[in-house]
Amino acid sequence: MYMLRTDKITDEEDNEYEVYGVDASDGDVSLSFPDIFFNIEDAKAFIALISDEDVGVSQIKYLIDDVICKLCSI
């Protein structure tokens, strides 16, 4: 089961931003991945994708690494 998480971060100039991540649980393993996305729609789309593809909780960290690499190259 994957759920959207929302956090607030502050930059060095005290500007506050909402960021979005994923909480993941399969009953045995629970993991939390905060502040992956700045855009809530991207976060929701990612959660829908991993839910539809039935990605295991133990595999999600590899997909998040890929997402971060893609976002950093934009």
Protein backbone atom coordinates (compact mmCIF):
# COMPACT_ATOMS: atom_id res chain seq x y z
CA MET A 1 0.00 0.00 0.00
CA TYR A 2 1.35 3.39 -0.98
CA MET A 3 0.24 6.71 0.42
CA LEU A 4 1.11 10.30 -0.37
CA ARG A 5 2.99 12.14 2.35
CA THR A 6 3.31 15.90 2.60
CA ASP A 7 6.09 17.71 4.43
CA LYS A 8 7.30 21.28 4.69
CA ILE A 9 10.92 22.25 4.16
CA THR A 10 12.64 25.58 4.61
CA ASP A 11 15.53 26.84 2.53
CA GLU A 12 18.46 28.92 3.71
CA GLU A 13 16.46 32.12 3.12
CA ASP A 14 13.58 30.89 5.32
CA ASN A 15 11.27 30.29 2.36
CA GLU A 16 8.91 27.43 3.14
CA TYR A 17 7.90 24.82 0.56
CA GLU A 18 5.54 21.87 0.57
CA VAL A 19 7.16 18.72 -0.71
CA TYR A 20 5.70 15.31 -1.39
CA GLY A 21 6.86 11.78 -0.89
CA VAL A 22 5.66 8.22 -0.42
CA ASP A 23 4.85 6.11 2.61
CA ALA A 24 4.96 2.43 1.72
CA SER A 25 3.83 -0.63 3.66
CA ASP A 26 3.17 -4.26 2.83
CA GLY A 27 2.27 -5.38 6.34
CA ASP A 28 5.78 -6.63 7.12
CA VAL A 29 7.89 -3.71 5.94
CA SER A 30 7.09 -0.01 6.30
CA LEU A 31 9.23 2.62 4.62
CA SER A 32 8.92 6.35 4.25
CA PHE A 33 10.42 8.42 1.46
CA PRO A 34 9.98 12.15 2.16
CA ASP A 35 10.53 15.14 -0.12
CA ILE A 36 10.91 13.49 -3.52
CA PHE A 37 8.63 15.83 -5.45
CA PHE A 38 7.84 19.55 -5.39
CA ASN A 39 4.70 18.99 -7.48
CA ILE A 40 1.78 17.10 -5.93
CA GLU A 41 0.52 15.91 -9.32
CA ASP A 42 3.87 14.25 -10.07
CA ALA A 43 3.77 12.56 -6.67
CA LYS A 44 0.22 11.30 -7.25
CA ALA A 45 1.15 10.02 -10.71
CA PHE A 46 4.16 8.17 -9.28
CA ILE A 47 2.04 6.56 -6.58
CA ALA A 48 -0.59 5.55 -9.14
CA LEU A 49 2.12 4.00 -11.34
CA ILE A 50 3.74 1.95 -8.59
CA SER A 51 0.32 0.86 -7.33
CA ASP A 52 -0.89 -0.14 -10.81
CA GLU A 53 2.35 -2.01 -11.54
CA ASP A 54 2.20 -3.74 -8.13
CA VAL A 55 5.75 -2.72 -7.26
CA GLY A 56 6.98 -4.36 -4.09
CA VAL A 57 7.93 -2.17 -1.14
CA SER A 58 11.47 -3.55 -1.23
CA GLN A 59 11.85 -2.36 -4.85
CA ILE A 60 10.47 1.16 -4.49
CA LYS A 61 13.79 2.69 -3.41
CA TYR A 62 15.33 1.79 -6.78
CA LEU A 63 12.50 3.48 -8.65
CA ILE A 64 12.83 6.56 -6.46
CA ASP A 65 16.54 6.70 -7.27
CA ASP A 66 15.62 6.66 -10.97
CA VAL A 67 13.03 9.41 -10.48
CA ILE A 68 15.50 11.61 -8.63
CA CYS A 69 18.12 11.10 -11.35
CA LYS A 70 15.55 12.08 -14.00
CA LEU A 71 14.44 15.14 -12.05
CA CYS A 72 18.03 16.28 -11.53
CA SER A 73 18.74 16.08 -15.26
CA ILE A 74 15.83 18.35 -16.22
